Amino acid sequence: FNRIINKYPSYKNLDYAYYMLSMNYYEQIKNETLDGSYNTLALNNFNQLINRFPESKYASDSYQKIILIKENIAAKHMSIGLFYLKRNKFEAAMNRFKKIIDNHSKSKFTPEALYRLVEIYYSLGMLEDAKKTASVIGHNYPKSKWYEYSYYLVNEKKKNSKNLKFLQKI
């Protein structure tokens, strides 16, 4: 498909060539725990298709695939962030969770990433930052279980080890 795109740039079905090239990369995405190179290649090629051929019959499917790819990328960041968090590498974990919040704000992982920041701030004794982040969860995701967990963590008056162990398992 790359040869077709490069050799025949005015081909009447060039949008199909871009779509098939994108789909080849997309089909090689297995899960978020593997190397993300196919995520990037598929995302770039789907974006190329949409930018060059916005009226193509493949554009709407490309938009849907882009959403799934971005979700997969967010899942990768969440997985890595949790890896660091379990090893008490708070700065590295925070960086991953902030990537989700900044770059994938519409992802289903955003409320959890915010909660994990609350957890880190709380662990570091940064109670004011923990409260601010918890209020962001409360404002944007009031019915989320992550808001409930953050509210419990920030507002609990009498801490006991049993409750903290419960939160760390989540």
C-alpha atoms as a PDB file:
ATOM      1  CA  PHE A   1       0.000   0.000   0.000  1.00  0.00           C
ATOM      2  CA  ASN A   2       2.909   2.335   0.637  1.00  0.00           C
ATOM      3  CA  ARG A   3       4.157   1.704  -2.905  1.00  0.00           C
ATOM      4  CA  ILE A   4       0.720   2.468  -4.336  1.00  0.00           C
ATOM      5  CA  ILE A   5       0.467   5.666  -2.294  1.00  0.00           C
ATOM      6  CA  ASN A   6       3.961   6.801  -3.302  1.00  0.00           C
ATOM      7  CA  LYS A   7       3.851   5.713  -6.952  1.00  0.00           C
ATOM      8  CA  TYR A   8       0.284   6.803  -7.778  1.00  0.00           C
ATOM      9  CA  PRO A   9      -0.488   9.893  -5.675  1.00  0.00           C
ATOM     10  CA  SER A  10      -3.442  10.845  -7.902  1.00  0.00           C
ATOM     11  CA  TYR A  11      -5.015   7.392  -7.944  1.00  0.00           C
ATOM     12  CA  LYS A  12      -8.804   7.724  -7.717  1.00  0.00           C
ATOM     13  CA  ASN A  13      -9.123   5.182  -4.867  1.00  0.00           C
ATOM     14  CA  LEU A  14      -6.155   6.423  -2.879  1.00  0.00           C
ATOM     15  CA  ASP A  15      -8.366   6.738   0.206  1.00  0.00           C
ATOM     16  CA  TYR A  16      -8.836   2.954   0.115  1.00  0.00           C
ATOM     17  CA  ALA A  17      -5.057   2.437   0.011  1.00  0.00           C
ATOM     18  CA  TYR A  18      -4.655   4.653   3.090  1.00  0.00           C
ATOM     19  CA  TYR A  19      -7.492   2.844   4.818  1.00  0.00           C
ATOM     20  CA  MET A  20      -6.026  -0.607   4.136  1.00  0.00           C
ATOM     21  CA  LEU A  21      -2.566   0.519   5.245  1.00  0.00           C
ATOM     22  CA  SER A  22      -4.088   1.854   8.472  1.00  0.00           C
ATOM     23  CA  MET A  23      -6.075  -1.337   8.991  1.00  0.00           C
ATOM     24  CA  ASN A  24      -2.931  -3.441   8.587  1.00  0.00           C
ATOM     25  CA  TYR A  25      -1.346  -1.603  11.494  1.00  0.00           C
ATOM     26  CA  TYR A  26      -4.590  -1.594  13.470  1.00  0.00           C
ATOM     27  CA  GLU A  27      -4.990  -5.368  13.169  1.00  0.00           C
ATOM     28  CA  GLN A  28      -1.524  -5.863  14.654  1.00  0.00           C
ATOM     29  CA  ILE A  29      -2.475  -4.127  17.899  1.00  0.00           C
ATOM     30  CA  LYS A  30      -2.929  -6.985  20.346  1.00  0.00           C
ATOM     31  CA  ASN A  31      -3.349  -5.319  23.739  1.00  0.00           C
ATOM     32  CA  GLU A  32      -2.056  -2.446  25.813  1.00  0.00           C
ATOM     33  CA  THR A  33       0.733  -4.418  27.482  1.00  0.00           C
ATOM     34  CA  LEU A  34       2.695  -4.836  24.268  1.00  0.00           C
ATOM     35  CA  ASP A  35       4.857  -2.357  22.402  1.00  0.00           C
ATOM     36  CA  GLY A  36       2.848   0.674  21.309  1.00  0.00           C
ATOM     37  CA  SER A  37       4.500   1.158  17.913  1.00  0.00           C
ATOM     38  CA  TYR A  38       1.489  -0.205  16.019  1.00  0.00           C
ATOM     39  CA  ASN A  39      -0.747   2.168  17.972  1.00  0.00           C
ATOM     40  CA  THR A  40       1.306   5.093  16.687  1.00  0.00           C
ATOM     41  CA  LEU A  41       1.494   3.824  13.116  1.00  0.00           C
ATOM     42  CA  ALA A  42      -2.219   3.087  12.926  1.00  0.00           C
ATOM     43  CA  LEU A  43      -3.136   6.405  14.542  1.00  0.00           C
ATOM     44  CA  ASN A  44      -0.916   8.392  12.179  1.00  0.00           C
ATOM     45  CA  ASN A  45      -2.279   6.642   9.109  1.00  0.00           C
ATOM     46  CA  PHE A  46      -5.928   6.971  10.129  1.00  0.00           C
ATOM     47  CA  ASN A  47      -5.324  10.673  10.789  1.00  0.00           C
ATOM     48  CA  GLN A  48      -3.664  10.953   7.379  1.00  0.00           C
ATOM     49  CA  LEU A  49      -6.733   9.405   5.757  1.00  0.00           C
ATOM     50  CA  ILE A  50      -9.118  11.756   7.579  1.00  0.00           C
ATOM     51  CA  ASN A  51      -7.022  14.835   6.797  1.00  0.00           C
ATOM     52  CA  ARG A  52      -6.595  14.039   3.110  1.00  0.00           C
ATOM     53  CA  PHE A  53     -10.027  12.555   2.450  1.00  0.00           C
ATOM     54  CA  PRO A  54     -12.528  13.937   4.978  1.00  0.00           C
ATOM     55  CA  GLU A  55     -15.481  12.975   2.754  1.00  0.00           C
ATOM     56  CA  SER A  56     -14.291   9.406   2.166  1.00  0.00           C
ATOM     57  CA  LYS A  57     -16.588   6.515   2.944  1.00  0.00           C
ATOM     58  CA  TYR A  58     -13.783   5.214   5.193  1.00  0.00           C
ATOM     59  CA  ALA A  59     -13.576   8.384   7.305  1.00  0.00           C
ATOM     60  CA  SER A  60     -16.310   7.499   9.811  1.00  0.00           C
ATOM     61  CA  ASP A  61     -14.806   4.083  10.504  1.00  0.00           C
ATOM     62  CA  SER A  62     -11.409   5.747  10.836  1.00  0.00           C
ATOM     63  CA  TYR A  63     -12.774   8.093  13.513  1.00  0.00           C
ATOM     64  CA  GLN A  64     -14.034   5.082  15.475  1.00  0.00           C
ATOM     65  CA  LYS A  65     -10.709   3.292  15.163  1.00  0.00           C
ATOM     66  CA  ILE A  66      -8.879   6.399  16.375  1.00  0.00           C
ATOM     67  CA  ILE A  67     -11.015   6.445  19.526  1.00  0.00           C
ATOM     68  CA  LEU A  68     -10.148   2.790  20.198  1.00  0.00           C
ATOM     69  CA  ILE A  69      -6.453   3.370  19.573  1.00  0.00           C
ATOM     70  CA  LYS A  70      -6.374   6.335  21.954  1.00  0.00           C
ATOM     71  CA  GLU A  71      -8.132   4.217  24.583  1.00  0.00           C
ATOM     72  CA  ASN A  72      -5.466   1.557  24.111  1.00  0.00           C
ATOM     73  CA  ILE A  73      -2.709   4.152  24.536  1.00  0.00           C
ATOM     74  CA  ALA A  74      -4.353   5.426  27.727  1.00  0.00           C
ATOM     75  CA  ALA A  75      -4.572   1.842  29.003  1.00  0.00           C
ATOM     76  CA  LYS A  76      -0.841   1.458  28.387  1.00  0.00           C
ATOM     77  CA  HIS A  77      -0.090   4.587  30.421  1.00  0.00           C
ATOM     78  CA  MET A  78      -2.391   3.374  33.204  1.00  0.00           C
ATOM     79  CA  SER A  79      -0.675  -0.002  33.284  1.00  0.00           C
ATOM     80  CA  ILE A  80       2.771   1.575  33.506  1.00  0.00           C
ATOM     81  CA  GLY A  81       1.589   4.084  36.120  1.00  0.00           C
ATOM     82  CA  LEU A  82       0.204   1.301  38.312  1.00  0.00           C
ATOM     83  CA  PHE A  83       3.483  -0.595  37.916  1.00  0.00           C
ATOM     84  CA  TYR A  84       5.383   2.407  39.267  1.00  0.00           C
ATOM     85  CA  LEU A  85       2.826   3.091  41.978  1.00  0.00           C
ATOM     86  CA  LYS A  86       3.128  -0.445  43.370  1.00  0.00           C
ATOM     87  CA  ARG A  87       6.877   0.111  43.667  1.00  0.00           C
ATOM     88  CA  ASN A  88       6.427   3.514  45.372  1.00  0.00           C
ATOM     89  CA  LYS A  89       7.990   5.349  42.418  1.00  0.00           C
ATOM     90  CA  PHE A  90       5.581   8.227  42.887  1.00  0.00           C
ATOM     91  CA  GLU A  91       7.077  10.720  40.456  1.00  0.00           C
ATOM     92  CA  ALA A  92       7.157   8.248  37.578  1.00  0.00           C
ATOM     93  CA  ALA A  93       3.607   7.113  38.375  1.00  0.00           C
ATOM     94  CA  MET A  94       2.375  10.712  38.547  1.00  0.00           C
ATOM     95  CA  ASN A  95       3.883  11.445  35.136  1.00  0.00           C
ATOM     96  CA  ARG A  96       1.976   8.544  33.582  1.00  0.00           C
ATOM     97  CA  PHE A  97      -1.304   9.451  35.246  1.00  0.00           C
ATOM     98  CA  LYS A  98      -0.907  13.084  34.182  1.00  0.00           C
ATOM     99  CA  LYS A  99      -0.362  11.939  30.579  1.00  0.00           C
ATOM    100  CA  ILE A 100      -3.733  10.236  30.698  1.00  0.00           C
ATOM    101  CA  ILE A 101      -5.388  13.325  32.153  1.00  0.00           C
ATOM    102  CA  ASP A 102      -3.720  15.757  29.737  1.00  0.00           C
ATOM    103  CA  ASN A 103      -3.688  13.735  26.510  1.00  0.00           C
ATOM    104  CA  HIS A 104      -6.629  11.349  26.927  1.00  0.00           C
ATOM    105  CA  SER A 105      -9.128  13.357  28.947  1.00  0.00           C
ATOM    106  CA  LYS A 106     -12.113  11.607  27.342  1.00  0.00           C
ATOM    107  CA  SER A 107     -10.779   8.173  28.216  1.00  0.00           C
ATOM    108  CA  LYS A 108     -12.496   5.827  30.624  1.00  0.00           C
ATOM    109  CA  PHE A 109      -9.190   5.771  32.542  1.00  0.00           C
ATOM    110  CA  THR A 110      -9.258   9.474  33.436  1.00  0.00           C
ATOM    111  CA  PRO A 111     -11.256   9.136  36.698  1.00  0.00           C
ATOM    112  CA  GLU A 112      -8.951   6.382  37.913  1.00  0.00           C
ATOM    113  CA  ALA A 113      -5.867   8.394  36.949  1.00  0.00           C
ATOM    114  CA  LEU A 114      -7.203  11.321  38.968  1.00  0.00           C
ATOM    115  CA  TYR A 115      -7.877   9.026  41.924  1.00  0.00           C
ATOM    116  CA  ARG A 116      -4.360   7.626  41.733  1.00  0.00           C
ATOM    117  CA  LEU A 117      -3.041  11.183  41.929  1.00  0.00           C
ATOM    118  CA  VAL A 118      -5.161  11.707  45.048  1.00  0.00           C
ATOM    119  CA  GLU A 119      -3.655   8.535  46.463  1.00  0.00           C
ATOM    120  CA  ILE A 120      -0.096   9.672  45.693  1.00  0.00           C
ATOM    121  CA  TYR A 121      -0.638  13.173  47.088  1.00  0.00           C
ATOM    122  CA  TYR A 122      -2.143  11.670  50.218  1.00  0.00           C
ATOM    123  CA  SER A 123       0.786   9.264  50.613  1.00  0.00           C
ATOM    124  CA  LEU A 124       3.245  12.142  50.270  1.00  0.00           C
ATOM    125  CA  GLY A 125       1.386  14.245  52.840  1.00  0.00           C
ATOM    126  CA  MET A 126       0.234  16.780  50.232  1.00  0.00           C
ATOM    127  CA  LEU A 127      -3.280  16.886  51.646  1.00  0.00           C
ATOM    128  CA  GLU A 128      -4.319  20.142  49.991  1.00  0.00           C
ATOM    129  CA  ASP A 129      -3.391  18.814  46.529  1.00  0.00           C
ATOM    130  CA  ALA A 130      -5.203  15.575  47.327  1.00  0.00           C
ATOM    131  CA  LYS A 131      -8.351  17.516  48.238  1.00  0.00           C
ATOM    132  CA  LYS A 132      -8.168  19.645  45.089  1.00  0.00           C
ATOM    133  CA  THR A 133      -7.776  16.618  42.857  1.00  0.00           C
ATOM    134  CA  ALA A 134     -10.592  14.827  44.667  1.00  0.00           C
ATOM    135  CA  SER A 135     -12.830  17.835  44.070  1.00  0.00           C
ATOM    136  CA  VAL A 136     -12.005  17.642  40.345  1.00  0.00           C
ATOM    137  CA  ILE A 137     -13.186  14.030  40.366  1.00  0.00           C
ATOM    138  CA  GLY A 138     -16.305  15.048  42.268  1.00  0.00           C
ATOM    139  CA  HIS A 139     -17.099  17.808  39.813  1.00  0.00           C
ATOM    140  CA  ASN A 140     -16.498  15.806  36.629  1.00  0.00           C
ATOM    141  CA  TYR A 141     -17.365  12.262  37.727  1.00  0.00           C
ATOM    142  CA  PRO A 142     -19.754  12.552  40.695  1.00  0.00           C
ATOM    143  CA  LYS A 143     -21.239   9.056  40.241  1.00  0.00           C
ATOM    144  CA  SER A 144     -17.890   7.345  39.717  1.00  0.00           C
ATOM    145  CA  LYS A 145     -16.557   4.785  42.165  1.00  0.00           C
ATOM    146  CA  TRP A 146     -13.249   6.666  41.968  1.00  0.00           C
ATOM    147  CA  TYR A 147     -14.926   9.744  43.437  1.00  0.00           C
ATOM    148  CA  GLU A 148     -16.296   7.628  46.256  1.00  0.00           C
ATOM    149  CA  TYR A 149     -12.849   6.194  46.971  1.00  0.00           C
ATOM    150  CA  SER A 150     -11.172   9.612  46.865  1.00  0.00           C
ATOM    151  CA  TYR A 151     -13.860  11.167  49.061  1.00  0.00           C
ATOM    152  CA  TYR A 152     -13.376   8.371  51.575  1.00  0.00           C
ATOM    153  CA  LEU A 153      -9.602   8.753  51.510  1.00  0.00           C
ATOM    154  CA  VAL A 154      -9.547  12.537  51.868  1.00  0.00           C
ATOM    155  CA  ASN A 155     -12.428  13.005  54.311  1.00  0.00           C
ATOM    156  CA  GLU A 156     -12.065  10.082  56.659  1.00  0.00           C
ATOM    157  CA  LYS A 157     -11.531  11.447  60.167  1.00  0.00           C
ATOM    158  CA  LYS A 158     -10.358   8.324  61.983  1.00  0.00           C
ATOM    159  CA  LYS A 159      -7.792   6.485  59.934  1.00  0.00           C
ATOM    160  CA  ASN A 160      -7.196   2.874  60.680  1.00  0.00           C
ATOM    161  CA  SER A 161      -4.955   0.398  58.942  1.00  0.00           C
ATOM    162  CA  LYS A 162      -7.846  -1.832  57.850  1.00  0.00           C
ATOM    163  CA  ASN A 163      -9.417   0.952  55.770  1.00  0.00           C
ATOM    164  CA  LEU A 164      -6.083   2.003  54.269  1.00  0.00           C
ATOM    165  CA  LYS A 165      -5.328  -1.582  53.261  1.00  0.00           C
ATOM    166  CA  PHE A 166      -8.740  -1.727  51.568  1.00  0.00           C
ATOM    167  CA  LEU A 167      -7.922   1.373  49.529  1.00  0.00           C
ATOM    168  CA  GLN A 168      -4.474   0.117  48.532  1.00  0.00           C
ATOM    169  CA  LYS A 169      -6.006  -3.064  47.069  1.00  0.00           C
ATOM    170  CA  ILE A 170      -8.288  -1.065  44.771  1.00  0.00           C
END
